[in-house]
Amino acid sequence: MAREAALQALYQCNLGGPKDCVQDVLDRYAFTPETSAFAKQLADGCVQNEESLIRSIVPHLSAEWPLARLAWTDRCILVVAAYELLHLPEMPPKVTINEAVALAKRFGSADSGKFVNGVLGSLLKVTEKRDWQGGQEMPQDEGEEDLTPEPELEVVEEGTAEHEEFVKAIPWTIKTRSEAPSKR
């Protein structure tokens, strides 16, 4: 839900929402303090760093789907995930990408999930998290090139045992859809 709130805040800010879009969106949720802090960190980070995050995403878009052609929801989902990949070193990239794909499937078009997965998989390859192994520290020496094959990124469906393993590592509460606040 924290990522969804960040997505909504960024979307609202981009479309001329109230002056404090982040707080406006966060006020709609009954988050735990930890989830609220994470949602605020994500939303504020995305709003404050949006230009640089967009610049990091653009090289990974195809000629057929340049930035100007992206749906605002897909664009905002990519920005939130790019923020996590580039600015939250403790967040496993597989969690970031899987959660972004889930948001894209929920809020985007029929092909948004595949599109977001492809763009973020490409972006991941040029980040410090490219060699992430669960439970390991981030690589310290960026001067050496690692020639091991890239792991295949996979989409993990919400509600599966594997998805549950991912969310256990996340320091916030995830509500089921039946517990989610009603849409306005």
N, C-alpha and C. Protein backbone atom coordinates (compact mmCIF):
# COMPACT_ATOMS: atom_id res chain seq x y z
N MET A 1 0.81 -1.19 0.00
CA MET A 1 0.00 0.00 0.00
C MET A 1 0.86 1.27 0.00
N ALA A 2 2.07 1.19 0.56
CA ALA A 2 2.95 2.35 0.58
C ALA A 2 3.32 2.76 -0.85
N ARG A 3 3.60 1.77 -1.69
CA ARG A 3 3.95 2.08 -3.08
C ARG A 3 2.73 2.65 -3.82
N GLU A 4 1.58 2.12 -3.53
CA GLU A 4 0.36 2.64 -4.16
C GLU A 4 0.14 4.09 -3.75
N ALA A 5 0.35 4.41 -2.49
CA ALA A 5 0.20 5.80 -2.03
C ALA A 5 1.23 6.70 -2.71
N ALA A 6 2.47 6.23 -2.84
CA ALA A 6 3.50 7.02 -3.52
C ALA A 6 3.12 7.25 -4.98
N LEU A 7 2.62 6.20 -5.63
CA LEU A 7 2.16 6.30 -7.01
C LEU A 7 1.05 7.34 -7.13
N GLN A 8 0.08 7.29 -6.24
CA GLN A 8 -1.03 8.24 -6.28
C GLN A 8 -0.56 9.67 -6.04
N ALA A 9 0.37 9.84 -5.10
CA ALA A 9 0.87 11.19 -4.81
C ALA A 9 1.63 11.75 -6.02
N LEU A 10 2.48 10.95 -6.61
CA LEU A 10 3.25 11.40 -7.78
C LEU A 10 2.31 11.73 -8.94
N TYR A 11 1.35 10.87 -9.18
CA TYR A 11 0.36 11.08 -10.24
C TYR A 11 -0.39 12.40 -10.00
N GLN A 12 -0.84 12.58 -8.77
CA GLN A 12 -1.59 13.78 -8.42
C GLN A 12 -0.74 15.04 -8.60
N CYS A 13 0.52 14.98 -8.17
CA CYS A 13 1.41 16.14 -8.32
C CYS A 13 1.65 16.47 -9.79
N ASN A 14 1.80 15.44 -10.62
CA ASN A 14 2.04 15.65 -12.04
C ASN A 14 0.83 16.23 -12.75
N LEU A 15 -0.34 15.97 -12.24
CA LEU A 15 -1.54 16.47 -12.90
C LEU A 15 -2.12 17.69 -12.20
N GLY A 16 -1.28 18.41 -11.46
CA GLY A 16 -1.69 19.69 -10.88
C GLY A 16 -2.53 19.57 -9.64
N GLY A 17 -2.25 18.60 -8.81
CA GLY A 17 -2.98 18.42 -7.56
C GLY A 17 -2.68 19.52 -6.56
N PRO A 18 -3.13 19.33 -5.33
CA PRO A 18 -2.90 20.35 -4.30
C PRO A 18 -1.41 20.56 -4.03
N LYS A 19 -1.10 21.65 -3.35
CA LYS A 19 0.29 22.02 -3.11
C LYS A 19 1.06 20.89 -2.42
N ASP A 20 0.48 20.27 -1.41
CA ASP A 20 1.15 19.17 -0.72
C ASP A 20 0.48 17.85 -1.10
N CYS A 21 0.76 17.42 -2.32
CA CYS A 21 0.16 16.19 -2.85
C CYS A 21 0.46 14.98 -1.98
N VAL A 22 1.67 14.93 -1.48
CA VAL A 22 2.08 13.77 -0.70
C VAL A 22 1.22 13.65 0.55
N GLN A 23 1.14 14.70 1.32
CA GLN A 23 0.35 14.63 2.56
C GLN A 23 -1.12 14.43 2.25
N ASP A 24 -1.62 15.03 1.19
CA ASP A 24 -3.02 14.86 0.80
C ASP A 24 -3.34 13.39 0.58
N VAL A 25 -2.46 12.68 -0.12
CA VAL A 25 -2.69 11.25 -0.37
C VAL A 25 -2.52 10.44 0.90
N LEU A 26 -1.47 10.72 1.67
CA LEU A 26 -1.22 9.93 2.88
C LEU A 26 -2.35 10.07 3.90
N ASP A 27 -3.01 11.21 3.90
CA ASP A 27 -4.13 11.42 4.83
C ASP A 27 -5.31 10.49 4.53
N ARG A 28 -5.35 9.91 3.36
CA ARG A 28 -6.45 9.01 2.98
C ARG A 28 -6.28 7.59 3.50
N TYR A 29 -5.09 7.26 3.98
CA TYR A 29 -4.78 5.90 4.41
C TYR A 29 -4.63 5.82 5.92
N ALA A 30 -4.97 4.68 6.47
CA ALA A 30 -4.77 4.41 7.90
C ALA A 30 -3.57 3.48 8.02
N PHE A 31 -2.38 4.01 7.74
CA PHE A 31 -1.16 3.24 7.77
C PHE A 31 -0.65 3.08 9.20
N THR A 32 0.12 2.01 9.40
CA THR A 32 0.91 1.91 10.62
C THR A 32 1.98 3.00 10.53
N PRO A 33 2.59 3.37 11.65
CA PRO A 33 3.63 4.40 11.57
C PRO A 33 4.78 4.03 10.62
N GLU A 34 5.17 2.75 10.62
CA GLU A 34 6.26 2.31 9.74
C GLU A 34 5.86 2.42 8.27
N THR A 35 4.65 2.00 7.95
CA THR A 35 4.19 2.07 6.57
C THR A 35 4.04 3.51 6.13
N SER A 36 3.52 4.34 7.02
CA SER A 36 3.37 5.77 6.71
C SER A 36 4.73 6.41 6.43
N ALA A 37 5.72 6.06 7.24
CA ALA A 37 7.07 6.62 7.04
C ALA A 37 7.65 6.17 5.70
N PHE A 38 7.45 4.89 5.36
CA PHE A 38 7.96 4.39 4.09
C PHE A 38 7.23 5.04 2.92
N ALA A 39 5.92 5.16 3.00
CA ALA A 39 5.14 5.79 1.93
C ALA A 39 5.58 7.24 1.74
N LYS A 40 5.79 7.95 2.85
CA LYS A 40 6.23 9.35 2.76
C LYS A 40 7.62 9.44 2.16
N GLN A 41 8.53 8.55 2.58
CA GLN A 41 9.88 8.53 2.02
C GLN A 41 9.83 8.30 0.52
N LEU A 42 9.04 7.33 0.08
CA LEU A 42 8.91 7.04 -1.35
C LEU A 42 8.33 8.23 -2.10
N ALA A 43 7.20 8.72 -1.62
CA ALA A 43 6.50 9.81 -2.32
C ALA A 43 7.36 11.07 -2.38
N ASP A 44 7.92 11.48 -1.24
CA ASP A 44 8.77 12.67 -1.22
C ASP A 44 9.99 12.49 -2.12
N GLY A 45 10.62 11.32 -2.04
CA GLY A 45 11.79 11.05 -2.87
C GLY A 45 11.48 11.10 -4.34
N CYS A 46 10.33 10.56 -4.72
CA CYS A 46 9.95 10.56 -6.13
C CYS A 46 9.63 11.97 -6.63
N VAL A 47 8.90 12.72 -5.83
CA VAL A 47 8.54 14.09 -6.23
C VAL A 47 9.80 14.96 -6.32
N GLN A 48 10.68 14.85 -5.34
CA GLN A 48 11.88 15.70 -5.30
C GLN A 48 12.92 15.31 -6.36
N ASN A 49 12.95 14.04 -6.74
CA ASN A 49 13.98 13.56 -7.67
C ASN A 49 13.41 13.14 -9.02
N GLU A 50 12.22 13.56 -9.32
CA GLU A 50 11.54 13.06 -10.52
C GLU A 50 12.34 13.28 -11.80
N GLU A 51 12.92 14.46 -11.98
CA GLU A 51 13.68 14.72 -13.21
C GLU A 51 14.84 13.76 -13.40
N SER A 52 15.62 13.55 -12.35
CA SER A 52 16.76 12.64 -12.48
C SER A 52 16.29 11.20 -12.63
N LEU A 53 15.20 10.84 -12.00
CA LEU A 53 14.66 9.48 -12.14
C LEU A 53 14.18 9.25 -13.57
N ILE A 54 13.52 10.25 -14.15
CA ILE A 54 13.08 10.15 -15.54
C ILE A 54 14.29 9.99 -16.46
N ARG A 55 15.34 10.77 -16.20
CA ARG A 55 16.55 10.65 -17.02
C ARG A 55 17.16 9.26 -16.92
N SER A 56 17.02 8.61 -15.78
CA SER A 56 17.56 7.25 -15.64
C SER A 56 16.68 6.22 -16.36
N ILE A 57 15.42 6.51 -16.54
CA ILE A 57 14.48 5.59 -17.18
C ILE A 57 14.54 5.69 -18.70
N VAL A 58 14.65 6.90 -19.23
CA VAL A 58 14.54 7.15 -20.67
C VAL A 58 15.44 6.24 -21.53
N PRO A 59 16.71 6.00 -21.17
CA PRO A 59 17.54 5.13 -22.03
C PRO A 59 17.03 3.69 -22.13
N HIS A 60 16.12 3.31 -21.26
CA HIS A 60 15.63 1.93 -21.23
C HIS A 60 14.27 1.79 -21.91
N LEU A 61 13.79 2.88 -22.47
CA LEU A 61 12.53 2.85 -23.22
C LEU A 61 12.84 2.52 -24.67
N SER A 62 11.90 1.92 -25.34
CA SER A 62 12.12 1.59 -26.75
C SER A 62 11.74 2.79 -27.62
N ALA A 63 12.20 2.75 -28.86
CA ALA A 63 11.88 3.83 -29.81
C ALA A 63 10.37 3.89 -30.04
N GLU A 64 9.70 2.74 -29.96
CA GLU A 64 8.25 2.70 -30.17
C GLU A 64 7.48 3.30 -28.99
N TRP A 65 8.10 3.28 -27.81
CA TRP A 65 7.43 3.78 -26.61
C TRP A 65 8.31 4.80 -25.89
N PRO A 66 8.49 6.00 -26.51
CA PRO A 66 9.27 7.04 -25.84
C PRO A 66 8.47 7.60 -24.65
N LEU A 67 9.13 8.38 -23.83
CA LEU A 67 8.51 8.95 -22.64
C LEU A 67 7.19 9.65 -22.94
N ALA A 68 7.15 10.42 -24.00
CA ALA A 68 5.95 11.19 -24.33
C ALA A 68 4.75 10.30 -24.63
N ARG A 69 4.98 9.06 -24.98
CA ARG A 69 3.89 8.16 -25.34
C ARG A 69 3.40 7.32 -24.15
N LEU A 70 4.13 7.33 -23.06
CA LEU A 70 3.74 6.52 -21.91
C LEU A 70 2.49 7.05 -21.24
N ALA A 71 1.67 6.14 -20.76
CA ALA A 71 0.54 6.52 -19.93
C ALA A 71 1.09 7.07 -18.62
N TRP A 72 0.41 8.04 -18.04
CA TRP A 72 0.90 8.65 -16.80
C TRP A 72 1.03 7.62 -15.69
N THR A 73 0.13 6.67 -15.62
CA THR A 73 0.25 5.66 -14.57
C THR A 73 1.53 4.84 -14.74
N ASP A 74 1.81 4.38 -15.96
CA ASP A 74 3.04 3.61 -16.20
C ASP A 74 4.27 4.45 -15.89
N ARG A 75 4.26 5.69 -16.29
CA ARG A 75 5.39 6.59 -16.04
C ARG A 75 5.62 6.75 -14.54
N CYS A 76 4.56 6.97 -13.79
CA CYS A 76 4.69 7.15 -12.34
C CYS A 76 5.14 5.86 -11.65
N ILE A 77 4.65 4.72 -12.10
CA ILE A 77 5.09 3.44 -11.55
C ILE A 77 6.58 3.26 -11.79
N LEU A 78 7.05 3.59 -12.98
CA LEU A 78 8.47 3.48 -13.30
C LEU A 78 9.30 4.41 -12.42
N VAL A 79 8.82 5.60 -12.16
CA VAL A 79 9.55 6.56 -11.32
C VAL A 79 9.66 6.04 -9.89
N VAL A 80 8.56 5.53 -9.35
CA VAL A 80 8.59 5.00 -7.98
C VAL A 80 9.59 3.84 -7.88
N ALA A 81 9.54 2.93 -8.84
CA ALA A 81 10.46 1.78 -8.83
C ALA A 81 11.90 2.23 -9.05
N ALA A 82 12.11 3.19 -9.94
CA ALA A 82 13.47 3.70 -10.18
C ALA A 82 14.02 4.33 -8.90
N TYR A 83 13.18 5.03 -8.16
CA TYR A 83 13.63 5.60 -6.89
C TYR A 83 14.11 4.50 -5.95
N GLU A 84 13.34 3.43 -5.86
CA GLU A 84 13.73 2.31 -5.00
C GLU A 84 15.04 1.68 -5.47
N LEU A 85 15.16 1.46 -6.77
CA LEU A 85 16.37 0.83 -7.30
C LEU A 85 17.61 1.70 -7.10
N LEU A 86 17.45 3.01 -7.23
CA LEU A 86 18.60 3.91 -7.20
C LEU A 86 18.88 4.56 -5.85
N HIS A 87 17.87 4.64 -4.99
CA HIS A 87 18.04 5.40 -3.74
C HIS A 87 17.79 4.60 -2.46
N LEU A 88 17.32 3.37 -2.58
CA LEU A 88 17.08 2.57 -1.38
C LEU A 88 17.93 1.31 -1.44
N PRO A 89 19.19 1.40 -1.02
CA PRO A 89 20.11 0.28 -1.18
C PRO A 89 19.71 -0.98 -0.43
N GLU A 90 18.91 -0.86 0.62
CA GLU A 90 18.51 -2.02 1.40
C GLU A 90 17.33 -2.78 0.79
N MET A 91 16.65 -2.19 -0.18
CA MET A 91 15.47 -2.81 -0.77
C MET A 91 15.88 -3.80 -1.86
N PRO A 92 15.51 -5.07 -1.72
CA PRO A 92 15.85 -6.06 -2.76
C PRO A 92 15.22 -5.67 -4.10
N PRO A 93 15.99 -5.70 -5.18
CA PRO A 93 15.45 -5.29 -6.48
C PRO A 93 14.31 -6.18 -6.96
N LYS A 94 14.34 -7.45 -6.60
CA LYS A 94 13.26 -8.35 -7.02
C LYS A 94 11.93 -7.92 -6.40
N VAL A 95 11.97 -7.47 -5.15
CA VAL A 95 10.76 -6.98 -4.49
C VAL A 95 10.27 -5.72 -5.20
N THR A 96 11.20 -4.80 -5.47
CA THR A 96 10.84 -3.55 -6.15
C THR A 96 10.16 -3.83 -7.48
N ILE A 97 10.77 -4.69 -8.28
CA ILE A 97 10.24 -4.96 -9.62
C ILE A 97 8.92 -5.71 -9.54
N ASN A 98 8.83 -6.70 -8.68
CA ASN A 98 7.57 -7.45 -8.55
C ASN A 98 6.42 -6.56 -8.09
N GLU A 99 6.70 -5.68 -7.15
CA GLU A 99 5.65 -4.78 -6.66
C GLU A 99 5.26 -3.77 -7.74
N ALA A 100 6.22 -3.30 -8.52
CA ALA A 100 5.91 -2.36 -9.61
C ALA A 100 5.06 -3.05 -10.68
N VAL A 101 5.39 -4.29 -11.00
CA VAL A 101 4.60 -5.05 -11.98
C VAL A 101 3.18 -5.24 -11.47
N ALA A 102 3.04 -5.54 -10.18
CA ALA A 102 1.70 -5.71 -9.60
C ALA A 102 0.90 -4.41 -9.71
N LEU A 103 1.55 -3.27 -9.44
CA LEU A 103 0.86 -1.98 -9.59
C LEU A 103 0.47 -1.74 -11.05
N ALA A 104 1.38 -2.07 -11.96
CA ALA A 104 1.10 -1.87 -13.38
C ALA A 104 -0.08 -2.73 -13.84
N LYS A 105 -0.15 -3.95 -13.36
CA LYS A 105 -1.27 -4.82 -13.72
C LYS A 105 -2.58 -4.28 -13.14
N ARG A 106 -2.49 -3.69 -11.96
CA ARG A 106 -3.71 -3.20 -11.30
C ARG A 106 -4.19 -1.87 -11.90
N PHE A 107 -3.25 -0.97 -12.19
CA PHE A 107 -3.64 0.38 -12.61
C PHE A 107 -3.40 0.68 -14.08
N GLY A 108 -2.65 -0.16 -14.77
CA GLY A 108 -2.30 0.12 -16.16
C GLY A 108 -3.14 -0.67 -17.14
N SER A 109 -2.63 -0.73 -18.36
CA SER A 109 -3.30 -1.45 -19.43
C SER A 109 -2.97 -2.94 -19.35
N ALA A 110 -3.50 -3.70 -20.28
CA ALA A 110 -3.26 -5.14 -20.30
C ALA A 110 -1.78 -5.48 -20.45
N ASP A 111 -1.02 -4.63 -21.13
CA ASP A 111 0.40 -4.89 -21.36
C ASP A 111 1.33 -4.14 -20.41
N SER A 112 0.78 -3.37 -19.50
CA SER A 112 1.62 -2.55 -18.62
C SER A 112 2.56 -3.38 -17.76
N GLY A 113 2.11 -4.50 -17.25
CA GLY A 113 2.96 -5.33 -16.39
C GLY A 113 4.21 -5.79 -17.11
N LYS A 114 4.04 -6.30 -18.34
CA LYS A 114 5.19 -6.76 -19.12
C LYS A 114 6.11 -5.59 -19.47
N PHE A 115 5.52 -4.47 -19.83
CA PHE A 115 6.30 -3.28 -20.19
C PHE A 115 7.14 -2.81 -19.00
N VAL A 116 6.51 -2.65 -17.84
CA VAL A 116 7.21 -2.18 -16.64
C VAL A 116 8.31 -3.17 -16.26
N ASN A 117 8.02 -4.46 -16.32
CA ASN A 117 9.02 -5.48 -16.01
C ASN A 117 10.23 -5.35 -16.94
N GLY A 118 10.00 -5.16 -18.23
CA GLY A 118 11.10 -5.04 -19.19
C GLY A 118 11.95 -3.81 -18.95
N VAL A 119 11.31 -2.67 -18.73
CA VAL A 119 12.05 -1.42 -18.52
C VAL A 119 12.86 -1.51 -17.22
N LEU A 120 12.25 -2.00 -16.16
CA LEU A 120 12.96 -2.07 -14.88
C LEU A 120 14.06 -3.13 -14.91
N GLY A 121 13.83 -4.22 -15.62
CA GLY A 121 14.89 -5.23 -15.77
C GLY A 121 16.10 -4.65 -16.47
N SER A 122 15.87 -3.84 -17.48
CA SER A 122 16.95 -3.18 -18.19
C SER A 122 17.65 -2.15 -17.30
N LEU A 123 16.87 -1.36 -16.57
CA LEU A 123 17.44 -0.37 -15.65
C LEU A 123 18.27 -1.06 -14.57
N LEU A 124 17.77 -2.15 -14.03
CA LEU A 124 18.49 -2.86 -12.97
C LEU A 124 19.91 -3.23 -13.40
N LYS A 125 20.08 -3.59 -14.66
CA LYS A 125 21.39 -4.03 -15.16
C LYS A 125 22.46 -2.94 -15.06
N VAL A 126 22.07 -1.68 -14.94
CA VAL A 126 23.05 -0.59 -14.87
C VAL A 126 23.08 0.07 -13.48
N THR A 127 22.46 -0.58 -12.49
CA THR A 127 22.48 -0.04 -11.13
C THR A 127 23.45 -0.83 -10.27
N GLU A 128 23.72 -0.32 -9.09
CA GLU A 128 24.57 -1.03 -8.13
C GLU A 128 23.93 -2.33 -7.67
N LYS A 129 22.64 -2.46 -7.85
CA LYS A 129 21.92 -3.67 -7.41
C LYS A 129 21.95 -4.79 -8.45
N ARG A 130 22.64 -4.60 -9.56
CA ARG A 130 22.60 -5.57 -10.65
C ARG A 130 23.03 -6.97 -10.23
N ASP A 131 23.90 -7.08 -9.24
CA ASP A 131 24.39 -8.39 -8.80
C ASP A 131 23.80 -8.80 -7.45
N TRP A 132 22.69 -8.22 -7.10
CA TRP A 132 22.07 -8.46 -5.79
C TRP A 132 21.77 -9.95 -5.61
N GLN A 133 22.18 -10.45 -4.48
CA GLN A 133 21.81 -11.79 -4.04
C GLN A 133 21.13 -11.62 -2.70
N GLY A 134 19.97 -12.22 -2.53
CA GLY A 134 19.21 -12.07 -1.29
C GLY A 134 20.06 -12.27 -0.06
N GLY A 135 19.97 -11.35 0.89
CA GLY A 135 20.69 -11.47 2.14
C GLY A 135 22.13 -11.00 2.08
N GLN A 136 22.61 -10.60 0.92
CA GLN A 136 23.99 -10.15 0.80
C GLN A 136 24.05 -8.64 0.83
N GLU A 137 25.21 -8.14 1.23
CA GLU A 137 25.46 -6.71 1.18
C GLU A 137 25.64 -6.29 -0.28
N MET A 138 25.44 -5.01 -0.54
CA MET A 138 25.68 -4.49 -1.89
C MET A 138 27.17 -4.58 -2.21
N PRO A 139 27.53 -4.85 -3.46
CA PRO A 139 28.95 -4.89 -3.82
C PRO A 139 29.62 -3.55 -3.53
N GLN A 140 30.80 -3.59 -2.92
CA GLN A 140 31.51 -2.37 -2.57
C GLN A 140 32.41 -1.88 -3.68
N ASP A 141 33.03 -2.79 -4.43
CA ASP A 141 33.98 -2.40 -5.46
C ASP A 141 33.26 -2.30 -6.80
N GLU A 142 33.02 -1.09 -7.24
CA GLU A 142 32.33 -0.89 -8.51
C GLU A 142 33.29 -0.84 -9.68
N GLY A 143 34.60 -0.88 -9.41
CA GLY A 143 35.59 -0.80 -10.47
C GLY A 143 35.74 -2.09 -11.25
N GLU A 144 35.43 -3.21 -10.65
CA GLU A 144 35.57 -4.50 -11.32
C GLU A 144 34.29 -4.87 -12.03
N GLU A 145 34.45 -5.38 -13.22
CA GLU A 145 33.29 -5.81 -13.99
C GLU A 145 33.00 -7.27 -13.68
N ASP A 146 31.77 -7.57 -13.32
CA ASP A 146 31.37 -8.94 -13.03
C ASP A 146 30.82 -9.55 -14.31
N LEU A 147 31.39 -10.67 -14.71
CA LEU A 147 30.99 -11.31 -15.95
C LEU A 147 30.05 -12.49 -15.74
N THR A 148 29.51 -12.65 -14.54
CA THR A 148 28.55 -13.73 -14.32
C THR A 148 27.26 -13.40 -15.04
N PRO A 149 26.53 -14.41 -15.51
CA PRO A 149 25.29 -14.14 -16.23
C PRO A 149 24.27 -13.45 -15.34
N GLU A 150 23.48 -12.58 -15.96
CA GLU A 150 22.42 -11.88 -15.25
C GLU A 150 21.32 -12.87 -14.89
N PRO A 151 20.79 -12.80 -13.66
CA PRO A 151 19.67 -13.68 -13.33
C PRO A 151 18.42 -13.22 -14.08
N GLU A 152 17.61 -14.17 -14.47
CA GLU A 152 16.34 -13.85 -15.12
C GLU A 152 15.41 -13.23 -14.09
N LEU A 153 14.75 -12.14 -14.44
CA LEU A 153 13.76 -11.55 -13.55
C LEU A 153 12.44 -12.27 -13.77
N GLU A 154 11.75 -12.52 -12.70
CA GLU A 154 10.48 -13.20 -12.82
C GLU A 154 9.42 -12.40 -12.09
N VAL A 155 8.21 -12.57 -12.53
CA VAL A 155 7.08 -11.93 -11.88
C VAL A 155 6.52 -12.92 -10.89
N VAL A 156 6.32 -12.49 -9.68
CA VAL A 156 5.74 -13.34 -8.65
C VAL A 156 4.35 -12.82 -8.37
N GLU A 157 3.38 -13.68 -8.53
CA GLU A 157 1.99 -13.28 -8.35
C GLU A 157 1.69 -13.04 -6.87
N GLU A 158 0.89 -12.01 -6.61
CA GLU A 158 0.46 -11.69 -5.26
C GLU A 158 -0.34 -12.86 -4.69
N GLY A 159 -0.10 -13.18 -3.43
CA GLY A 159 -0.84 -14.24 -2.77
C GLY A 159 -0.14 -15.60 -2.81
N THR A 160 0.93 -15.73 -3.60
CA THR A 160 1.65 -17.00 -3.65
C THR A 160 2.62 -17.08 -2.47
N ALA A 161 3.11 -18.28 -2.21
CA ALA A 161 4.06 -18.47 -1.11
C ALA A 161 5.33 -17.67 -1.36
N GLU A 162 5.79 -17.62 -2.62
CA GLU A 162 7.01 -16.87 -2.93
C GLU A 162 6.82 -15.37 -2.68
N HIS A 163 5.63 -14.85 -3.03
CA HIS A 163 5.34 -13.44 -2.77
C HIS A 163 5.34 -13.18 -1.27
N GLU A 164 4.79 -14.09 -0.50
CA GLU A 164 4.77 -13.93 0.95
C GLU A 164 6.19 -13.86 1.51
N GLU A 165 7.11 -14.64 0.95
CA GLU A 165 8.51 -14.59 1.40
C GLU A 165 9.10 -13.20 1.15
N PHE A 166 8.77 -12.60 0.00
CA PHE A 166 9.30 -11.28 -0.32
C PHE A 166 8.77 -10.23 0.65
N VAL A 167 7.49 -10.28 0.92
CA VAL A 167 6.91 -9.22 1.75
C VAL A 167 7.29 -9.36 3.21
N LYS A 168 7.73 -10.54 3.65
CA LYS A 168 8.18 -10.69 5.03
C LYS A 168 9.39 -9.81 5.31
N ALA A 169 10.20 -9.56 4.30
CA ALA A 169 11.42 -8.76 4.49
C ALA A 169 11.13 -7.27 4.48
N ILE A 170 9.92 -6.88 4.18
CA ILE A 170 9.57 -5.47 4.03
C ILE A 170 9.05 -4.94 5.36
N PRO A 171 9.56 -3.78 5.82
CA PRO A 171 9.17 -3.27 7.14
C PRO A 171 7.88 -2.46 7.14
N TRP A 172 6.82 -2.97 6.53
CA TRP A 172 5.54 -2.28 6.57
C TRP A 172 4.42 -3.31 6.49
N THR A 173 3.22 -2.85 6.71
CA THR A 173 2.06 -3.73 6.68
C THR A 173 1.41 -3.64 5.32
N ILE A 174 1.09 -4.78 4.74
CA ILE A 174 0.39 -4.81 3.47
C ILE A 174 -1.02 -5.31 3.74
N LYS A 175 -2.00 -4.53 3.34
CA LYS A 175 -3.39 -4.91 3.55
C LYS A 175 -3.92 -5.64 2.33
N THR A 176 -4.86 -6.51 2.55
CA THR A 176 -5.49 -7.18 1.42
C THR A 176 -6.43 -6.21 0.74
N ARG A 177 -6.86 -6.55 -0.45
CA ARG A 177 -7.76 -5.65 -1.18
C ARG A 177 -9.05 -5.40 -0.40
N SER A 178 -9.53 -6.40 0.33
CA SER A 178 -10.75 -6.21 1.09
C SER A 178 -10.57 -5.22 2.23
N GLU A 179 -9.31 -5.03 2.68
CA GLU A 179 -9.02 -4.08 3.74
C GLU A 179 -8.62 -2.71 3.21
N ALA A 180 -8.42 -2.61 1.91
CA ALA A 180 -7.98 -1.34 1.32
C ALA A 180 -9.05 -0.28 1.46
N PRO A 181 -8.63 0.98 1.58
CA PRO A 181 -9.61 2.05 1.67
C PRO A 181 -10.42 2.15 0.38
N SER A 182 -11.63 2.60 0.51
CA SER A 182 -12.47 2.72 -0.70
C SER A 182 -11.95 3.86 -1.55
N LYS A 183 -12.16 3.71 -2.85
CA LYS A 183 -11.71 4.75 -3.80
C LYS A 183 -12.74 5.88 -3.79
N ARG A 184 -12.22 7.07 -3.98
CA ARG A 184 -13.11 8.25 -3.99
C ARG A 184 -13.52 8.59 -5.37
